[in-house]
Amino acid sequence: DTGETLYALSPDTPRQPASTIKILTGMIALKSLEKKDWVGVSRKASRMPRSKVYLDTKKSYLANDLINAVLLASANDASVALAEKIAGSEKQFAEMMNVRARLWGAKNTVCRTASGLTAKGQQSTARDLANIFRHAMQDEEFAQRMSKVKLRTSYGKMLRNHNKALWKVKGAEGGKTGYTNAARQTYVGQFSQD
């Protein structure tokens, strides 16, 4: 509730955040778009490496589905499609992510991509990610989405949450996993006991 640090190990060491940074992408999209807004897909978005939901450049998708794809299935293609819809380009969107991170006290976080894929100069820390996630989870809609184990999109695709803690760890309320070669495994989550 307070954000007080109970235990820390190298909390301010900057590293590549991988997909944990999608917390910011999802949160900004939730605040910027209506659930029923249509989002087109650029060639750049469709060509993102996996994890992805294989978006088709000839189709448009509901913002609601793409936000779920980002937060549950960690979809890189959906992250870029949302970024381009909201800010015109992924680069401009990354600036919005940086502003949001600062507002939430994440002083050592620099975003360069909407997906968290490795990028020069992109970084976050354990403390910053904990801070960002704590703030995001105070938003009811965000928290509700993060607690879902699986969801079906309006076009019939099943999205499965990458956060296995939801069904393996008692008290898990939500979390975001990530992995790139540069970052290795990354994770931020919220748990409650008693």
N, C-alpha and C. Protein backbone atom coordinates (compact mmCIF):
# COMPACT_ATOMS: atom_id res chain seq x y z
N ASP A 1 0.82 -1.22 0.00
CA ASP A 1 0.00 0.00 0.00
C ASP A 1 0.85 1.27 0.00
N THR A 2 1.96 1.24 0.70
CA THR A 2 2.77 2.45 0.86
C THR A 2 3.88 2.56 -0.18
N GLY A 3 4.27 1.44 -0.78
CA GLY A 3 5.41 1.45 -1.69
C GLY A 3 6.74 1.35 -0.97
N GLU A 4 6.70 1.15 0.33
CA GLU A 4 7.92 1.01 1.12
C GLU A 4 8.66 -0.27 0.70
N THR A 5 9.98 -0.19 0.62
CA THR A 5 10.80 -1.35 0.26
C THR A 5 10.98 -2.24 1.48
N LEU A 6 10.61 -3.51 1.34
CA LEU A 6 10.76 -4.47 2.43
C LEU A 6 12.08 -5.23 2.32
N TYR A 7 12.49 -5.50 1.08
CA TYR A 7 13.75 -6.21 0.83
C TYR A 7 14.23 -5.81 -0.55
N ALA A 8 15.52 -5.65 -0.69
CA ALA A 8 16.05 -5.28 -2.00
C ALA A 8 17.42 -5.91 -2.23
N LEU A 9 17.67 -6.27 -3.48
CA LEU A 9 18.98 -6.76 -3.89
C LEU A 9 19.29 -6.07 -5.22
N SER A 10 20.30 -5.24 -5.25
CA SER A 10 20.65 -4.46 -6.46
C SER A 10 19.41 -3.79 -7.08
N PRO A 11 18.65 -3.04 -6.29
CA PRO A 11 17.38 -2.50 -6.81
C PRO A 11 17.53 -1.42 -7.87
N ASP A 12 18.71 -0.78 -7.93
CA ASP A 12 18.87 0.34 -8.86
C ASP A 12 19.87 0.06 -9.98
N THR A 13 20.16 -1.22 -10.20
CA THR A 13 21.06 -1.60 -11.29
C THR A 13 20.28 -1.57 -12.60
N PRO A 14 20.66 -0.70 -13.55
CA PRO A 14 19.90 -0.62 -14.79
C PRO A 14 20.14 -1.84 -15.69
N ARG A 15 19.07 -2.36 -16.25
CA ARG A 15 19.13 -3.51 -17.16
C ARG A 15 18.06 -3.35 -18.24
N GLN A 16 18.18 -4.16 -19.28
CA GLN A 16 17.12 -4.22 -20.29
C GLN A 16 15.88 -4.84 -19.62
N PRO A 17 14.70 -4.22 -19.78
CA PRO A 17 13.51 -4.71 -19.08
C PRO A 17 12.75 -5.83 -19.79
N ALA A 18 13.03 -6.04 -21.07
CA ALA A 18 12.24 -6.98 -21.89
C ALA A 18 10.75 -6.63 -21.75
N SER A 19 9.87 -7.62 -21.79
CA SER A 19 8.43 -7.37 -21.87
C SER A 19 7.78 -6.80 -20.62
N THR A 20 8.52 -6.72 -19.51
CA THR A 20 7.92 -6.11 -18.32
C THR A 20 7.53 -4.66 -18.61
N ILE A 21 8.21 -4.02 -19.56
CA ILE A 21 7.93 -2.62 -19.88
C ILE A 21 6.56 -2.47 -20.55
N LYS A 22 5.98 -3.59 -21.02
CA LYS A 22 4.65 -3.55 -21.63
C LYS A 22 3.56 -3.14 -20.63
N ILE A 23 3.89 -3.13 -19.35
CA ILE A 23 2.96 -2.60 -18.35
C ILE A 23 2.60 -1.16 -18.73
N LEU A 24 3.62 -0.38 -19.10
CA LEU A 24 3.39 1.01 -19.51
C LEU A 24 2.60 1.08 -20.81
N THR A 25 2.93 0.21 -21.76
CA THR A 25 2.22 0.18 -23.04
C THR A 25 0.74 -0.09 -22.81
N GLY A 26 0.45 -1.12 -22.02
CA GLY A 26 -0.94 -1.48 -21.76
C GLY A 26 -1.69 -0.39 -21.01
N MET A 27 -1.04 0.19 -20.03
CA MET A 27 -1.67 1.23 -19.22
C MET A 27 -1.98 2.48 -20.05
N ILE A 28 -1.03 2.91 -20.87
CA ILE A 28 -1.25 4.09 -21.72
C ILE A 28 -2.37 3.81 -22.71
N ALA A 29 -2.39 2.61 -23.27
CA ALA A 29 -3.45 2.25 -24.23
C ALA A 29 -4.82 2.24 -23.54
N LEU A 30 -4.89 1.73 -22.33
CA LEU A 30 -6.15 1.73 -21.57
C LEU A 30 -6.67 3.15 -21.37
N LYS A 31 -5.76 4.08 -21.13
CA LYS A 31 -6.16 5.46 -20.85
C LYS A 31 -6.37 6.30 -22.12
N SER A 32 -5.82 5.83 -23.25
CA SER A 32 -5.86 6.63 -24.49
C SER A 32 -6.95 6.21 -25.46
N LEU A 33 -7.37 4.96 -25.38
CA LEU A 33 -8.31 4.43 -26.37
C LEU A 33 -9.58 3.91 -25.71
N GLU A 34 -10.65 3.91 -26.50
CA GLU A 34 -11.89 3.25 -26.08
C GLU A 34 -11.77 1.78 -26.45
N LYS A 35 -12.45 0.91 -25.70
CA LYS A 35 -12.38 -0.53 -25.97
C LYS A 35 -12.76 -0.88 -27.40
N LYS A 36 -13.72 -0.13 -27.97
CA LYS A 36 -14.23 -0.45 -29.30
C LYS A 36 -13.53 0.33 -30.42
N ASP A 37 -12.48 1.06 -30.09
CA ASP A 37 -11.70 1.74 -31.14
C ASP A 37 -11.04 0.69 -32.03
N TRP A 38 -11.03 0.99 -33.33
CA TRP A 38 -10.38 0.07 -34.29
C TRP A 38 -8.93 0.48 -34.48
N VAL A 39 -8.06 -0.50 -34.52
CA VAL A 39 -6.62 -0.26 -34.67
C VAL A 39 -6.11 -1.00 -35.89
N GLY A 40 -5.50 -0.26 -36.81
CA GLY A 40 -4.90 -0.86 -37.99
C GLY A 40 -3.53 -1.43 -37.65
N VAL A 41 -2.99 -2.19 -38.61
CA VAL A 41 -1.69 -2.85 -38.38
C VAL A 41 -0.74 -2.49 -39.51
N SER A 42 0.36 -1.84 -39.17
CA SER A 42 1.37 -1.49 -40.17
C SER A 42 2.22 -2.73 -40.49
N ARG A 43 2.98 -2.62 -41.57
CA ARG A 43 3.90 -3.71 -41.91
C ARG A 43 4.94 -3.88 -40.81
N LYS A 44 5.39 -2.75 -40.25
CA LYS A 44 6.37 -2.81 -39.15
C LYS A 44 5.80 -3.61 -37.97
N ALA A 45 4.57 -3.31 -37.59
CA ALA A 45 3.94 -4.01 -36.46
C ALA A 45 3.82 -5.51 -36.74
N SER A 46 3.35 -5.84 -37.94
CA SER A 46 3.12 -7.26 -38.27
C SER A 46 4.42 -8.06 -38.34
N ARG A 47 5.54 -7.36 -38.60
CA ARG A 47 6.83 -8.05 -38.74
C ARG A 47 7.61 -8.19 -37.42
N MET A 48 7.01 -7.77 -36.31
CA MET A 48 7.68 -7.90 -35.02
C MET A 48 7.96 -9.37 -34.73
N PRO A 49 9.09 -9.66 -34.07
CA PRO A 49 9.36 -11.06 -33.70
C PRO A 49 8.41 -11.52 -32.60
N ARG A 50 8.34 -12.83 -32.39
CA ARG A 50 7.46 -13.33 -31.33
C ARG A 50 8.11 -13.08 -29.97
N SER A 51 7.26 -12.94 -28.94
CA SER A 51 5.87 -13.33 -28.83
C SER A 51 4.98 -12.39 -29.65
N LYS A 52 3.98 -12.99 -30.31
CA LYS A 52 3.07 -12.18 -31.11
C LYS A 52 1.76 -12.92 -31.31
N VAL A 53 0.76 -12.19 -31.80
CA VAL A 53 -0.55 -12.80 -32.08
C VAL A 53 -0.84 -12.84 -33.58
N TYR A 54 0.21 -12.58 -34.37
CA TYR A 54 0.14 -12.70 -35.83
C TYR A 54 -0.97 -11.85 -36.44
N LEU A 55 -0.88 -10.54 -36.20
CA LEU A 55 -1.85 -9.59 -36.73
C LEU A 55 -1.67 -9.46 -38.24
N ASP A 56 -2.79 -9.24 -38.91
CA ASP A 56 -2.84 -9.16 -40.38
C ASP A 56 -2.94 -7.68 -40.79
N THR A 57 -2.05 -7.25 -41.68
CA THR A 57 -2.04 -5.84 -42.12
C THR A 57 -3.32 -5.47 -42.88
N LYS A 58 -4.05 -6.47 -43.38
CA LYS A 58 -5.28 -6.19 -44.13
C LYS A 58 -6.49 -6.03 -43.22
N LYS A 59 -6.28 -6.22 -41.92
CA LYS A 59 -7.40 -6.15 -40.97
C LYS A 59 -7.18 -5.07 -39.92
N SER A 60 -8.29 -4.68 -39.30
CA SER A 60 -8.24 -3.81 -38.12
C SER A 60 -8.75 -4.62 -36.94
N TYR A 61 -8.28 -4.26 -35.75
CA TYR A 61 -8.62 -5.01 -34.55
C TYR A 61 -9.14 -4.07 -33.47
N LEU A 62 -9.97 -4.59 -32.58
CA LEU A 62 -10.48 -3.79 -31.47
C LEU A 62 -9.35 -3.51 -30.47
N ALA A 63 -9.27 -2.28 -30.01
CA ALA A 63 -8.25 -1.90 -29.03
C ALA A 63 -8.30 -2.84 -27.82
N ASN A 64 -9.50 -3.20 -27.39
CA ASN A 64 -9.67 -4.09 -26.24
C ASN A 64 -8.90 -5.41 -26.42
N ASP A 65 -9.03 -6.00 -27.62
CA ASP A 65 -8.34 -7.26 -27.91
C ASP A 65 -6.82 -7.09 -27.90
N LEU A 66 -6.36 -5.98 -28.49
CA LEU A 66 -4.91 -5.75 -28.58
C LEU A 66 -4.29 -5.46 -27.21
N ILE A 67 -5.02 -4.75 -26.36
CA ILE A 67 -4.52 -4.48 -24.99
C ILE A 67 -4.39 -5.81 -24.24
N ASN A 68 -5.39 -6.67 -24.36
CA ASN A 68 -5.31 -7.99 -23.72
C ASN A 68 -4.15 -8.81 -24.30
N ALA A 69 -3.93 -8.70 -25.60
CA ALA A 69 -2.83 -9.43 -26.25
C ALA A 69 -1.48 -8.96 -25.70
N VAL A 70 -1.36 -7.67 -25.43
CA VAL A 70 -0.12 -7.11 -24.87
C VAL A 70 0.08 -7.58 -23.43
N LEU A 71 -0.95 -7.45 -22.61
CA LEU A 71 -0.81 -7.71 -21.18
C LEU A 71 -0.77 -9.19 -20.82
N LEU A 72 -1.50 -10.03 -21.57
CA LEU A 72 -1.54 -11.46 -21.25
C LEU A 72 -0.55 -12.26 -22.09
N ALA A 73 -0.64 -12.09 -23.41
CA ALA A 73 0.17 -12.90 -24.33
C ALA A 73 1.48 -12.22 -24.72
N SER A 74 1.74 -11.03 -24.16
CA SER A 74 2.99 -10.31 -24.39
C SER A 74 3.27 -10.07 -25.87
N ALA A 75 2.23 -9.72 -26.62
CA ALA A 75 2.33 -9.62 -28.08
C ALA A 75 3.08 -8.37 -28.53
N ASN A 76 4.22 -8.59 -29.19
CA ASN A 76 5.03 -7.48 -29.71
C ASN A 76 4.33 -6.76 -30.86
N ASP A 77 3.64 -7.53 -31.72
CA ASP A 77 2.94 -6.91 -32.85
C ASP A 77 1.80 -6.01 -32.35
N ALA A 78 1.07 -6.46 -31.35
CA ALA A 78 -0.02 -5.65 -30.79
C ALA A 78 0.53 -4.40 -30.09
N SER A 79 1.69 -4.53 -29.44
CA SER A 79 2.32 -3.38 -28.77
C SER A 79 2.62 -2.26 -29.77
N VAL A 80 3.20 -2.63 -30.89
CA VAL A 80 3.57 -1.63 -31.90
C VAL A 80 2.32 -1.06 -32.59
N ALA A 81 1.34 -1.90 -32.87
CA ALA A 81 0.09 -1.43 -33.49
C ALA A 81 -0.59 -0.38 -32.59
N LEU A 82 -0.66 -0.66 -31.29
CA LEU A 82 -1.26 0.29 -30.35
C LEU A 82 -0.44 1.58 -30.27
N ALA A 83 0.88 1.43 -30.21
CA ALA A 83 1.77 2.60 -30.13
C ALA A 83 1.57 3.52 -31.33
N GLU A 84 1.51 2.93 -32.53
CA GLU A 84 1.34 3.73 -33.75
C GLU A 84 -0.04 4.38 -33.80
N LYS A 85 -1.05 3.69 -33.33
CA LYS A 85 -2.41 4.25 -33.30
C LYS A 85 -2.47 5.46 -32.37
N ILE A 86 -1.85 5.34 -31.19
CA ILE A 86 -1.94 6.37 -30.16
C ILE A 86 -1.04 7.57 -30.45
N ALA A 87 0.20 7.31 -30.86
CA ALA A 87 1.19 8.40 -30.96
C ALA A 87 1.70 8.66 -32.38
N GLY A 88 1.28 7.85 -33.35
CA GLY A 88 1.73 8.05 -34.73
C GLY A 88 2.96 7.24 -35.07
N SER A 89 3.82 7.01 -34.06
CA SER A 89 5.01 6.18 -34.28
C SER A 89 5.41 5.55 -32.95
N GLU A 90 6.16 4.46 -33.04
CA GLU A 90 6.62 3.80 -31.82
C GLU A 90 7.58 4.71 -31.04
N LYS A 91 8.38 5.48 -31.78
CA LYS A 91 9.33 6.38 -31.14
C LYS A 91 8.61 7.44 -30.30
N GLN A 92 7.56 8.03 -30.88
CA GLN A 92 6.77 9.04 -30.15
C GLN A 92 6.08 8.41 -28.94
N PHE A 93 5.61 7.18 -29.12
CA PHE A 93 4.93 6.47 -28.03
C PHE A 93 5.90 6.20 -26.87
N ALA A 94 7.15 5.85 -27.21
CA ALA A 94 8.16 5.61 -26.18
C ALA A 94 8.37 6.85 -25.32
N GLU A 95 8.23 8.03 -25.93
CA GLU A 95 8.33 9.27 -25.15
C GLU A 95 7.19 9.37 -24.15
N MET A 96 5.97 8.95 -24.56
CA MET A 96 4.83 8.93 -23.65
C MET A 96 5.09 7.96 -22.49
N MET A 97 5.72 6.82 -22.81
CA MET A 97 6.07 5.84 -21.78
C MET A 97 7.04 6.44 -20.77
N ASN A 98 8.01 7.20 -21.28
CA ASN A 98 9.00 7.84 -20.40
C ASN A 98 8.34 8.86 -19.46
N VAL A 99 7.38 9.62 -19.99
CA VAL A 99 6.67 10.59 -19.17
C VAL A 99 5.89 9.88 -18.06
N ARG A 100 5.18 8.81 -18.43
CA ARG A 100 4.40 8.05 -17.45
C ARG A 100 5.32 7.44 -16.38
N ALA A 101 6.46 6.90 -16.80
CA ALA A 101 7.42 6.32 -15.84
C ALA A 101 7.89 7.37 -14.84
N ARG A 102 8.21 8.58 -15.34
CA ARG A 102 8.65 9.67 -14.45
C ARG A 102 7.56 10.04 -13.45
N LEU A 103 6.32 10.15 -13.94
CA LEU A 103 5.19 10.50 -13.07
C LEU A 103 5.06 9.51 -11.92
N TRP A 104 5.40 8.26 -12.18
CA TRP A 104 5.28 7.21 -11.17
C TRP A 104 6.58 7.01 -10.39
N GLY A 105 7.52 7.94 -10.54
CA GLY A 105 8.74 7.91 -9.74
C GLY A 105 9.81 6.95 -10.23
N ALA A 106 9.66 6.47 -11.46
CA ALA A 106 10.66 5.55 -12.02
C ALA A 106 11.76 6.37 -12.68
N LYS A 107 12.74 6.76 -11.87
CA LYS A 107 13.76 7.71 -12.32
C LYS A 107 14.82 7.10 -13.23
N ASN A 108 15.00 5.79 -13.15
CA ASN A 108 16.06 5.12 -13.92
C ASN A 108 15.53 4.32 -15.10
N THR A 109 14.31 4.66 -15.54
CA THR A 109 13.71 3.94 -16.65
C THR A 109 13.74 4.79 -17.91
N VAL A 110 14.24 4.19 -18.99
CA VAL A 110 14.25 4.84 -20.30
C VAL A 110 13.65 3.85 -21.30
N CYS A 111 12.56 4.26 -21.92
CA CYS A 111 11.89 3.41 -22.92
C CYS A 111 12.28 3.84 -24.32
N ARG A 112 12.56 2.88 -25.16
CA ARG A 112 12.85 3.14 -26.58
C ARG A 112 11.87 2.40 -27.49
N THR A 113 11.21 1.37 -26.93
CA THR A 113 10.26 0.57 -27.71
C THR A 113 8.99 0.37 -26.89
N ALA A 114 7.88 0.06 -27.59
CA ALA A 114 6.61 -0.24 -26.91
C ALA A 114 6.58 -1.68 -26.42
N SER A 115 7.49 -2.51 -26.95
CA SER A 115 7.46 -3.95 -26.69
C SER A 115 8.46 -4.40 -25.63
N GLY A 116 9.52 -3.60 -25.44
CA GLY A 116 10.59 -4.03 -24.54
C GLY A 116 11.67 -4.83 -25.25
N LEU A 117 11.51 -5.05 -26.55
CA LEU A 117 12.57 -5.73 -27.30
C LEU A 117 13.86 -4.91 -27.14
N THR A 118 14.99 -5.59 -27.10
CA THR A 118 16.27 -4.96 -26.81
C THR A 118 16.51 -3.75 -27.72
N ALA A 119 16.84 -2.62 -27.09
CA ALA A 119 17.15 -1.40 -27.84
C ALA A 119 18.22 -0.64 -27.09
N LYS A 120 19.14 -0.05 -27.84
CA LYS A 120 20.24 0.72 -27.24
C LYS A 120 19.67 1.85 -26.39
N GLY A 121 20.14 1.94 -25.15
CA GLY A 121 19.70 3.02 -24.26
C GLY A 121 18.44 2.71 -23.47
N GLN A 122 17.76 1.63 -23.82
CA GLN A 122 16.55 1.27 -23.08
C GLN A 122 16.95 0.57 -21.78
N GLN A 123 16.30 0.95 -20.68
CA GLN A 123 16.67 0.34 -19.40
C GLN A 123 15.58 0.55 -18.37
N SER A 124 15.60 -0.28 -17.35
CA SER A 124 14.81 -0.06 -16.15
C SER A 124 15.55 -0.75 -15.00
N THR A 125 14.99 -0.66 -13.80
CA THR A 125 15.59 -1.29 -12.63
C THR A 125 14.50 -2.06 -11.89
N ALA A 126 14.92 -2.93 -10.98
CA ALA A 126 13.96 -3.68 -10.17
C ALA A 126 13.06 -2.72 -9.38
N ARG A 127 13.66 -1.70 -8.79
CA ARG A 127 12.87 -0.73 -8.01
C ARG A 127 11.86 -0.01 -8.90
N ASP A 128 12.32 0.45 -10.06
CA ASP A 128 11.42 1.17 -10.97
C ASP A 128 10.25 0.29 -11.43
N LEU A 129 10.56 -0.95 -11.81
CA LEU A 129 9.49 -1.84 -12.28
C LEU A 129 8.49 -2.13 -11.17
N ALA A 130 8.98 -2.32 -9.95
CA ALA A 130 8.08 -2.54 -8.81
C ALA A 130 7.17 -1.33 -8.62
N ASN A 131 7.76 -0.15 -8.74
CA ASN A 131 7.01 1.11 -8.61
C ASN A 131 5.96 1.25 -9.71
N ILE A 132 6.38 1.02 -10.95
CA ILE A 132 5.48 1.13 -12.10
C ILE A 132 4.31 0.16 -11.95
N PHE A 133 4.62 -1.09 -11.57
CA PHE A 133 3.57 -2.11 -11.47
C PHE A 133 2.63 -1.80 -10.30
N ARG A 134 3.18 -1.32 -9.20
CA ARG A 134 2.35 -0.97 -8.05
C ARG A 134 1.32 0.10 -8.43
N HIS A 135 1.78 1.13 -9.15
CA HIS A 135 0.87 2.18 -9.60
C HIS A 135 -0.17 1.64 -10.58
N ALA A 136 0.27 0.84 -11.54
CA ALA A 136 -0.64 0.30 -12.55
C ALA A 136 -1.72 -0.58 -11.90
N MET A 137 -1.33 -1.39 -10.93
CA MET A 137 -2.28 -2.30 -10.28
C MET A 137 -3.31 -1.56 -9.41
N GLN A 138 -3.09 -0.29 -9.16
CA GLN A 138 -4.10 0.50 -8.44
C GLN A 138 -5.25 0.88 -9.36
N ASP A 139 -5.05 0.71 -10.67
CA ASP A 139 -6.11 0.93 -11.64
C ASP A 139 -6.93 -0.36 -11.75
N GLU A 140 -8.21 -0.26 -11.42
CA GLU A 140 -9.08 -1.45 -11.34
C GLU A 140 -9.12 -2.25 -12.64
N GLU A 141 -9.26 -1.53 -13.75
CA GLU A 141 -9.37 -2.24 -15.03
C GLU A 141 -8.07 -2.96 -15.39
N PHE A 142 -6.95 -2.30 -15.16
CA PHE A 142 -5.65 -2.92 -15.41
C PHE A 142 -5.49 -4.17 -14.54
N ALA A 143 -5.76 -4.04 -13.24
CA ALA A 143 -5.60 -5.15 -12.30
C ALA A 143 -6.49 -6.33 -12.68
N GLN A 144 -7.70 -6.03 -13.10
CA GLN A 144 -8.65 -7.08 -13.48
C GLN A 144 -8.11 -7.86 -14.70
N ARG A 145 -7.57 -7.16 -15.67
CA ARG A 145 -7.01 -7.83 -16.85
C ARG A 145 -5.80 -8.70 -16.47
N MET A 146 -4.95 -8.18 -15.58
CA MET A 146 -3.74 -8.90 -15.20
C MET A 146 -4.04 -10.19 -14.43
N SER A 147 -5.23 -10.29 -13.88
CA SER A 147 -5.59 -11.47 -13.08
C SER A 147 -6.16 -12.61 -13.92
N LYS A 148 -6.41 -12.36 -15.20
CA LYS A 148 -7.01 -13.38 -16.07
C LYS A 148 -5.96 -14.41 -16.51
N VAL A 149 -6.31 -15.69 -16.39
CA VAL A 149 -5.43 -16.77 -16.84
C VAL A 149 -5.53 -16.93 -18.35
N LYS A 150 -6.76 -16.86 -18.87
CA LYS A 150 -6.93 -16.86 -20.33
C LYS A 150 -8.18 -16.08 -20.72
N LEU A 151 -8.17 -15.59 -21.92
CA LEU A 151 -9.26 -14.78 -22.46
C LEU A 151 -9.39 -15.07 -23.94
N ARG A 152 -10.62 -15.03 -24.46
CA ARG A 152 -10.83 -15.18 -25.90
C ARG A 152 -11.07 -13.79 -26.50
N THR A 153 -10.42 -13.50 -27.61
CA THR A 153 -10.61 -12.21 -28.29
C THR A 153 -11.97 -12.22 -29.00
N SER A 154 -12.40 -11.05 -29.43
CA SER A 154 -13.67 -10.94 -30.16
C SER A 154 -13.61 -11.68 -31.49
N TYR A 155 -12.39 -11.92 -32.00
CA TYR A 155 -12.27 -12.65 -33.27
C TYR A 155 -11.91 -14.13 -33.06
N GLY A 156 -12.03 -14.58 -31.81
CA GLY A 156 -11.94 -16.03 -31.54
C GLY A 156 -10.59 -16.58 -31.13
N LYS A 157 -9.56 -15.73 -31.04
CA LYS A 157 -8.24 -16.23 -30.65
C LYS A 157 -8.15 -16.35 -29.13
N MET A 158 -7.62 -17.48 -28.65
CA MET A 158 -7.44 -17.68 -27.22
C MET A 158 -6.10 -17.08 -26.78
N LEU A 159 -6.14 -16.18 -25.82
CA LEU A 159 -4.93 -15.58 -25.26
C LEU A 159 -4.66 -16.24 -23.91
N ARG A 160 -3.44 -16.73 -23.73
CA ARG A 160 -3.07 -17.33 -22.45
C ARG A 160 -2.05 -16.44 -21.75
N ASN A 161 -2.26 -16.22 -20.47
CA ASN A 161 -1.37 -15.37 -19.70
C ASN A 161 -0.01 -16.05 -19.54
N HIS A 162 1.07 -15.32 -19.80
CA HIS A 162 2.43 -15.85 -19.65
C HIS A 162 2.85 -15.94 -18.18
N ASN A 163 2.08 -15.30 -17.30
CA ASN A 163 2.43 -15.25 -15.87
C ASN A 163 1.93 -16.50 -15.15
N LYS A 164 2.77 -17.53 -15.13
CA LYS A 164 2.38 -18.82 -14.53
C LYS A 164 2.14 -18.73 -13.02
N ALA A 165 2.67 -17.70 -12.39
CA ALA A 165 2.46 -17.53 -10.95
C ALA A 165 0.96 -17.49 -10.61
N LEU A 166 0.13 -17.01 -11.56
CA LEU A 166 -1.31 -16.91 -11.31
C LEU A 166 -1.93 -18.24 -10.89
N TRP A 167 -1.46 -19.33 -11.49
CA TRP A 167 -2.03 -20.62 -11.13
C TRP A 167 -1.06 -21.52 -10.36
N LYS A 168 0.15 -21.00 -10.08
CA LYS A 168 1.13 -21.83 -9.36
C LYS A 168 1.49 -21.29 -7.98
N VAL A 169 1.23 -20.00 -7.73
CA VAL A 169 1.63 -19.40 -6.46
C VAL A 169 0.41 -18.81 -5.75
N LYS A 170 0.20 -19.23 -4.53
CA LYS A 170 -0.93 -18.74 -3.74
C LYS A 170 -0.78 -17.24 -3.51
N GLY A 171 -1.87 -16.51 -3.67
CA GLY A 171 -1.86 -15.07 -3.42
C GLY A 171 -1.44 -14.21 -4.60
N ALA A 172 -1.12 -14.86 -5.76
CA ALA A 172 -0.73 -14.08 -6.94
C ALA A 172 -1.92 -13.28 -7.45
N GLU A 173 -1.71 -12.00 -7.68
CA GLU A 173 -2.79 -11.12 -8.15
C GLU A 173 -2.57 -10.62 -9.58
N GLY A 174 -1.35 -10.70 -10.04
CA GLY A 174 -1.03 -10.24 -11.39
C GLY A 174 0.47 -10.11 -11.53
N GLY A 175 0.95 -10.13 -12.77
CA GLY A 175 2.38 -9.98 -12.99
C GLY A 175 2.68 -9.94 -14.47
N LYS A 176 3.90 -9.57 -14.80
CA LYS A 176 4.31 -9.51 -16.21
C LYS A 176 5.68 -10.14 -16.33
N THR A 177 5.78 -11.09 -17.23
CA THR A 177 7.05 -11.77 -17.51
C THR A 177 7.72 -11.12 -18.71
N GLY A 178 8.99 -11.42 -18.86
CA GLY A 178 9.70 -10.96 -20.05
C GLY A 178 10.93 -11.83 -20.29
N TYR A 179 11.37 -11.85 -21.54
CA TYR A 179 12.62 -12.55 -21.86
C TYR A 179 13.18 -12.02 -23.17
N THR A 180 14.43 -11.63 -23.15
CA THR A 180 15.21 -11.42 -24.38
C THR A 180 16.60 -11.95 -24.06
N ASN A 181 17.41 -12.17 -25.09
CA ASN A 181 18.79 -12.64 -24.86
C ASN A 181 19.57 -11.65 -24.01
N ALA A 182 19.34 -10.37 -24.25
CA ALA A 182 20.09 -9.34 -23.50
C ALA A 182 19.60 -9.21 -22.06
N ALA A 183 18.29 -9.33 -21.86
CA ALA A 183 17.72 -9.14 -20.52
C ALA A 183 17.73 -10.42 -19.70
N ARG A 184 17.68 -11.57 -20.35
CA ARG A 184 17.39 -12.87 -19.72
C ARG A 184 15.96 -12.82 -19.16
N GLN A 185 15.65 -13.63 -18.13
CA GLN A 185 14.30 -13.63 -17.58
C GLN A 185 14.05 -12.36 -16.76
N THR A 186 12.92 -11.73 -17.01
CA THR A 186 12.52 -10.57 -16.21
C THR A 186 11.11 -10.82 -15.70
N TYR A 187 10.80 -10.25 -14.54
CA TYR A 187 9.48 -10.46 -13.97
C TYR A 187 9.16 -9.36 -12.96
N VAL A 188 7.91 -8.96 -12.95
CA VAL A 188 7.39 -8.09 -11.89
C VAL A 188 5.99 -8.59 -11.57
N GLY A 189 5.67 -8.67 -10.28
CA GLY A 189 4.36 -9.20 -9.92
C GLY A 189 3.86 -8.64 -8.61
N GLN A 190 2.58 -8.90 -8.36
CA GLN A 190 1.97 -8.48 -7.10
C GLN A 190 1.32 -9.70 -6.44
N PHE A 191 1.60 -9.86 -5.16
CA PHE A 191 1.09 -10.98 -4.38
C PHE A 191 0.54 -10.44 -3.07
N SER A 192 -0.44 -11.13 -2.50
CA SER A 192 -0.88 -10.75 -1.16
C SER A 192 -1.05 -11.98 -0.31
N GLN A 193 -0.69 -11.84 0.94
CA GLN A 193 -0.88 -12.92 1.92
C GLN A 193 -1.40 -12.28 3.20
N ASP A 194 -2.45 -12.89 3.76
CA ASP A 194 -3.06 -12.37 5.00
C ASP A 194 -3.37 -10.88 4.90
